[in-house]
C-alpha atoms as a PDB file:
ATOM      1  CA  MET A   1      14.251 -48.615  -8.657  1.00  0.00           C
ATOM      2  CA  ALA A   2      11.286 -47.202 -10.061  1.00  0.00           C
ATOM      3  CA  ARG A   3      11.059 -43.933 -11.547  1.00  0.00           C
ATOM      4  CA  ARG A   4       9.672 -41.480  -9.756  1.00  0.00           C
ATOM      5  CA  VAL A   5       7.478 -38.030 -11.053  1.00  0.00           C
ATOM      6  CA  PHE A   6       7.897 -35.041  -9.410  1.00  0.00           C
ATOM      7  CA  PRO A   7       5.009 -32.589  -9.876  1.00  0.00           C
ATOM      8  CA  ILE A   8       6.672 -29.490  -8.809  1.00  0.00           C
ATOM      9  CA  GLN A   9      10.172 -27.733  -9.629  1.00  0.00           C
ATOM     10  CA  TYR A  10      11.105 -24.626  -7.406  1.00  0.00           C
ATOM     11  CA  PHE A  11      14.506 -22.615  -8.014  1.00  0.00           C
ATOM     12  CA  PHE A  12      15.476 -19.725  -6.328  1.00  0.00           C
ATOM     13  CA  ASP A  13      19.103 -18.363  -6.354  1.00  0.00           C
ATOM     14  CA  VAL A  14      21.404 -19.063  -3.134  1.00  0.00           C
ATOM     15  CA  ALA A  15      25.321 -18.154  -2.789  1.00  0.00           C
ATOM     16  CA  LYS A  16      27.581 -19.780  -5.063  1.00  0.00           C
ATOM     17  CA  GLY A  17      28.663 -22.932  -3.251  1.00  0.00           C
ATOM     18  CA  PRO A  18      29.774 -26.372  -3.518  1.00  0.00           C
ATOM     19  CA  ARG A  19      27.118 -28.514  -5.558  1.00  0.00           C
ATOM     20  CA  ALA A  20      25.024 -31.102  -3.428  1.00  0.00           C
ATOM     21  CA  ILE A  21      22.547 -33.542  -4.626  1.00  0.00           C
ATOM     22  CA  SER A  22      20.570 -35.392  -2.297  1.00  0.00           C
ATOM     23  CA  VAL A  23      17.913 -38.382  -2.963  1.00  0.00           C
ATOM     24  CA  GLU A  24      16.530 -39.617  -0.234  1.00  0.00           C
ATOM     25  CA  ASP A  25      13.449 -40.033   1.786  1.00  0.00           C
ATOM     26  CA  ALA A  26      13.996 -36.756   3.879  1.00  0.00           C
ATOM     27  CA  ASP A  27      10.508 -36.438   5.483  1.00  0.00           C
ATOM     28  CA  GLY A  28       9.489 -39.944   6.177  1.00  0.00           C
ATOM     29  CA  ASP A  29       6.611 -40.395   3.711  1.00  0.00           C
ATOM     30  CA  GLY A  30       7.989 -43.699   1.932  1.00  0.00           C
ATOM     31  CA  LYS A  31       8.600 -41.801  -1.442  1.00  0.00           C
ATOM     32  CA  LEU A  32      12.131 -40.416  -2.527  1.00  0.00           C
ATOM     33  CA  ASP A  33      12.368 -36.525  -2.495  1.00  0.00           C
ATOM     34  CA  LEU A  34      15.098 -35.087  -4.482  1.00  0.00           C
ATOM     35  CA  ALA A  35      17.567 -31.703  -3.687  1.00  0.00           C
ATOM     36  CA  THR A  36      20.280 -30.288  -5.498  1.00  0.00           C
ATOM     37  CA  VAL A  37      22.303 -27.454  -4.587  1.00  0.00           C
ATOM     38  CA  GLY A  38      25.013 -25.922  -7.015  1.00  0.00           C
ATOM     39  CA  GLY A  39      26.410 -22.777  -9.876  1.00  0.00           C
ATOM     40  CA  GLY A  40      23.997 -19.946  -7.295  1.00  0.00           C
ATOM     41  CA  THR A  41      20.762 -22.468  -7.214  1.00  0.00           C
ATOM     42  CA  VAL A  42      18.717 -24.605  -4.869  1.00  0.00           C
ATOM     43  CA  THR A  43      16.949 -26.663  -7.105  1.00  0.00           C
ATOM     44  CA  VAL A  44      13.937 -28.376  -5.122  1.00  0.00           C
ATOM     45  CA  LEU A  45      11.771 -31.544  -6.909  1.00  0.00           C
ATOM     46  CA  LEU A  46       9.349 -31.976  -4.292  1.00  0.00           C
ATOM     47  CA  GLY A  47       7.853 -35.538  -3.710  1.00  0.00           C
ATOM     48  CA  ASN A  48       5.799 -34.308  -0.828  1.00  0.00           C
ATOM     49  CA  GLY A  49       6.952 -31.144  -0.383  1.00  0.00           C
ATOM     50  CA  ALA A  50       7.677 -29.638   2.866  1.00  0.00           C
ATOM     51  CA  GLY A  51      10.616 -32.296   4.015  1.00  0.00           C
ATOM     52  CA  THR A  52      12.685 -32.059   1.153  1.00  0.00           C
ATOM     53  CA  PHE A  53      12.168 -28.085   1.725  1.00  0.00           C
ATOM     54  CA  VAL A  54      13.199 -28.681   5.132  1.00  0.00           C
ATOM     55  CA  HIS A  55      15.985 -31.283   4.582  1.00  0.00           C
ATOM     56  CA  ALA A  56      17.475 -29.198   1.940  1.00  0.00           C
ATOM     57  CA  ALA A  57      17.155 -26.334   4.197  1.00  0.00           C
ATOM     58  CA  ASN A  58      19.504 -27.830   7.048  1.00  0.00           C
ATOM     59  CA  GLU A  59      22.358 -28.782   4.422  1.00  0.00           C
ATOM     60  CA  LEU A  60      23.064 -25.659   3.302  1.00  0.00           C
ATOM     61  CA  GLY A  61      21.789 -23.364   6.662  1.00  0.00           C
ATOM     62  CA  TYR A  62      24.096 -25.425   9.439  1.00  0.00           C
ATOM     63  CA  LEU A  63      27.740 -25.429   9.560  1.00  0.00           C
ATOM     64  CA  ASN A  64      28.234 -26.344  12.847  1.00  0.00           C
ATOM     65  CA  TYR A  65      24.646 -27.463  14.864  1.00  0.00           C
ATOM     66  CA  VAL A  66      22.915 -30.360  13.352  1.00  0.00           C
ATOM     67  CA  PRO A  67      18.963 -30.594  14.692  1.00  0.00           C
ATOM     68  CA  ASN A  68      17.519 -33.033  16.155  1.00  0.00           C
ATOM     69  CA  GLU A  69      14.517 -34.787  14.934  1.00  0.00           C
ATOM     70  CA  GLU A  70      12.096 -32.976  17.547  1.00  0.00           C
ATOM     71  CA  GLU A  71      13.016 -30.033  15.300  1.00  0.00           C
ATOM     72  CA  ILE A  72      13.105 -31.469  12.321  1.00  0.00           C
ATOM     73  CA  SER A  73       9.778 -32.666  12.586  1.00  0.00           C
ATOM     74  CA  ASP A  74       8.566 -28.835  14.249  1.00  0.00           C
ATOM     75  CA  TYR A  75      10.485 -27.891  10.757  1.00  0.00           C
ATOM     76  CA  ILE A  76       8.249 -30.006   8.296  1.00  0.00           C
ATOM     77  CA  HIS A  77       4.988 -29.571   9.934  1.00  0.00           C
ATOM     78  CA  SER A  78       5.361 -25.536   9.992  1.00  0.00           C
ATOM     79  CA  TYR A  79       6.197 -25.723   6.782  1.00  0.00           C
ATOM     80  CA  SER A  80       3.371 -28.264   5.456  1.00  0.00           C
ATOM     81  CA  GLY A  81       1.542 -26.392   2.605  1.00  0.00           C
ATOM     82  CA  ARG A  82       3.426 -23.089   2.128  1.00  0.00           C
ATOM     83  CA  ILE A  83       6.005 -24.234   0.307  1.00  0.00           C
ATOM     84  CA  GLY A  84       5.343 -22.583  -3.001  1.00  0.00           C
ATOM     85  CA  PRO A  85       5.209 -19.200  -0.765  1.00  0.00           C
ATOM     86  CA  ILE A  86       8.112 -19.399   0.625  1.00  0.00           C
ATOM     87  CA  THR A  87      10.002 -20.595  -2.296  1.00  0.00           C
ATOM     88  CA  THR A  88       8.091 -17.851  -4.289  1.00  0.00           C
ATOM     89  CA  TRP A  89       9.771 -14.598  -1.353  1.00  0.00           C
ATOM     90  CA  PHE A  90      13.085 -16.302  -2.133  1.00  0.00           C
ATOM     91  CA  LYS A  91      12.777 -16.130  -5.983  1.00  0.00           C
ATOM     92  CA  LYS A  92      12.209 -12.592  -5.555  1.00  0.00           C
ATOM     93  CA  TYR A  93      13.701 -11.545  -2.384  1.00  0.00           C
ATOM     94  CA  PRO A  94      16.022  -9.344  -4.920  1.00  0.00           C
ATOM     95  CA  GLU A  95      13.463  -7.745  -6.430  1.00  0.00           C
ATOM     96  CA  SER A  96      11.683  -6.748  -3.601  1.00  0.00           C
ATOM     97  CA  LEU A  97      15.094  -5.192  -2.219  1.00  0.00           C
ATOM     98  CA  ARG A  98      14.821  -1.938  -4.914  1.00  0.00           C
ATOM     99  CA  TYR A  99      11.665  -1.449  -2.813  1.00  0.00           C
ATOM    100  CA  VAL A 100      12.913  -2.500   0.948  1.00  0.00           C
ATOM    101  CA  ASP A 101      15.711  -0.442   1.107  1.00  0.00           C
ATOM    102  CA  PRO A 102      14.667   3.087   0.435  1.00  0.00           C
ATOM    103  CA  LYS A 103      12.222   2.183   3.223  1.00  0.00           C
ATOM    104  CA  LEU A 104      14.998   1.522   5.881  1.00  0.00           C
ATOM    105  CA  GLU A 105      16.211   5.009   6.096  1.00  0.00           C
ATOM    106  CA  GLU A 106      12.598   6.216   7.870  1.00  0.00           C
ATOM    107  CA  ILE A 107      13.569   3.351  10.584  1.00  0.00           C
ATOM    108  CA  ASP A 108      14.829   5.010  13.589  1.00  0.00           C
ATOM    109  CA  ARG A 109      14.856   2.569  16.509  1.00  0.00           C
ATOM    110  CA  PRO A 110      17.490   0.382  17.493  1.00  0.00           C
ATOM    111  CA  VAL A 111      18.729  -2.679  15.579  1.00  0.00           C
ATOM    112  CA  LEU A 112      20.638  -5.904  16.165  1.00  0.00           C
ATOM    113  CA  VAL A 113      21.399  -7.133  12.900  1.00  0.00           C
ATOM    114  CA  PHE A 114      23.114 -10.278  13.030  1.00  0.00           C
ATOM    115  CA  TRP A 115      24.401 -13.476  10.031  1.00  0.00           C
ATOM    116  CA  GLY A 116      25.667 -16.272   9.149  1.00  0.00           C
ATOM    117  CA  ALA A 117      29.290 -15.429   7.007  1.00  0.00           C
ATOM    118  CA  GLN A 118      28.942 -18.474   5.301  1.00  0.00           C
ATOM    119  CA  ASP A 119      25.202 -17.548   4.574  1.00  0.00           C
ATOM    120  CA  GLN A 120      23.929 -19.518   1.605  1.00  0.00           C
ATOM    121  CA  LEU A 121      20.865 -18.684   1.410  1.00  0.00           C
ATOM    122  CA  LEU A 122      20.724 -14.713   1.783  1.00  0.00           C
ATOM    123  CA  LEU A 123      23.889 -13.153   1.509  1.00  0.00           C
ATOM    124  CA  VAL A 124      25.774 -12.187   3.957  1.00  0.00           C
ATOM    125  CA  GLU A 125      26.235  -8.625   2.102  1.00  0.00           C
ATOM    126  CA  ASN A 126      22.524  -8.228   2.964  1.00  0.00           C
ATOM    127  CA  ALA A 127      23.689  -7.643   6.305  1.00  0.00           C
ATOM    128  CA  GLU A 128      26.404  -4.842   5.369  1.00  0.00           C
ATOM    129  CA  ARG A 129      23.732  -3.377   2.971  1.00  0.00           C
ATOM    130  CA  LEU A 130      21.265  -3.469   6.419  1.00  0.00           C
ATOM    131  CA  LYS A 131      23.936  -1.924   8.585  1.00  0.00           C
ATOM    132  CA  GLU A 132      24.496   1.066   5.925  1.00  0.00           C
ATOM    133  CA  ARG A 133      20.507   1.981   5.719  1.00  0.00           C
ATOM    134  CA  LEU A 134      19.250   1.621   9.312  1.00  0.00           C
ATOM    135  CA  GLN A 135      20.107   4.769  11.204  1.00  0.00           C
ATOM    136  CA  ARG A 136      21.059   3.139  14.092  1.00  0.00           C
ATOM    137  CA  SER A 137      21.755  -0.179  13.849  1.00  0.00           C
ATOM    138  CA  LYS A 138      24.238  -2.757  15.134  1.00  0.00           C
ATOM    139  CA  ALA A 139      25.758  -5.967  12.814  1.00  0.00           C
ATOM    140  CA  HIS A 140      27.281  -8.694  14.156  1.00  0.00           C
ATOM    141  CA  ILE A 141      28.641 -11.726  11.662  1.00  0.00           C
ATOM    142  CA  PHE A 142      29.438 -15.093  12.911  1.00  0.00           C
ATOM    143  CA  GLU A 143      32.190 -16.455  11.573  1.00  0.00           C
ATOM    144  CA  ARG A 144      31.836 -19.866  10.909  1.00  0.00           C
ATOM    145  CA  CYS A 145      28.169 -19.963  10.441  1.00  0.00           C
ATOM    146  CA  GLY A 146      25.217 -20.002   7.597  1.00  0.00           C
ATOM    147  CA  HIS A 147      22.040 -19.140   7.543  1.00  0.00           C
ATOM    148  CA  PHE A 148      21.128 -20.428  11.325  1.00  0.00           C
ATOM    149  CA  SER A 149      23.586 -18.492  12.916  1.00  0.00           C
ATOM    150  CA  TYR A 150      21.256 -18.440  16.308  1.00  0.00           C
ATOM    151  CA  GLN A 151      21.881 -22.277  16.524  1.00  0.00           C
ATOM    152  CA  ASP A 152      25.480 -22.196  14.711  1.00  0.00           C
ATOM    153  CA  GLN A 153      26.742 -20.572  17.262  1.00  0.00           C
ATOM    154  CA  HIS A 154      24.120 -20.767  19.649  1.00  0.00           C
ATOM    155  CA  GLU A 155      25.975 -19.763  22.618  1.00  0.00           C
ATOM    156  CA  LYS A 156      28.014 -16.685  21.589  1.00  0.00           C
ATOM    157  CA  PHE A 157      23.986 -15.743  20.076  1.00  0.00           C
ATOM    158  CA  ALA A 158      22.527 -15.839  23.608  1.00  0.00           C
ATOM    159  CA  ASP A 159      25.637 -13.737  24.867  1.00  0.00           C
ATOM    160  CA  LEU A 160      24.629 -10.969  22.008  1.00  0.00           C
ATOM    161  CA  ILE A 161      21.186 -10.944  23.085  1.00  0.00           C
ATOM    162  CA  THR A 162      21.736 -10.705  26.561  1.00  0.00           C
ATOM    163  CA  GLU A 163      23.962  -7.929  26.226  1.00  0.00           C
ATOM    164  CA  TRP A 164      21.481  -6.411  23.445  1.00  0.00           C
ATOM    165  CA  VAL A 165      18.545  -6.294  26.040  1.00  0.00           C
ATOM    166  CA  ASP A 166      20.569  -5.556  29.268  1.00  0.00           C
ATOM    167  CA  GLY A 167      21.145  -1.877  28.196  1.00  0.00           C
ATOM    168  CA  GLY A 168      23.717  -2.717  24.352  1.00  0.00           C
ATOM    169  CA  TYR A 169      20.819  -1.192  22.524  1.00  0.00           C
ATOM    170  CA  GLN A 170      20.964   1.999  24.164  1.00  0.00           C
ATOM    171  CA  ARG A 171      24.145   2.505  22.782  1.00  0.00           C
ATOM    172  CA  ILE A 172      23.685   2.724  19.132  1.00  0.00           C
END
């Protein structure tokens, strides 16, 4: 196999979890892309960008659901050209909390917080922090779900949202 040079490398913190390495043509452009996970860090070596990013997010974000080819294509298209700002946001997320947290107490609207218990991108502790800081909130943690809990347990998520819209928000 020919040696491939990856011009850009991004790092962002995630939950401590198992180490995984993926070397494949994640975005279908005929070039190998590399993503690694381990030690609380995701390292994405971009051959072409969005495809590798989506592949790594899918590996980390789902426990129960597998996106179909149309969904993956849509994700790749929507992230195309935006990987730099997105990974910068993830990298700066812990730092931004000190600016956001004090503002949360000012929100006086019913808020439904939902999270996957095994979210490896944004830790479940963030849901607990939101619940504590928001005046009028309800938190629902989906067990056996990753970052994309609304897809991992889509039927339970639909029930949760239906109940909220049908008046559950009024009981907060």
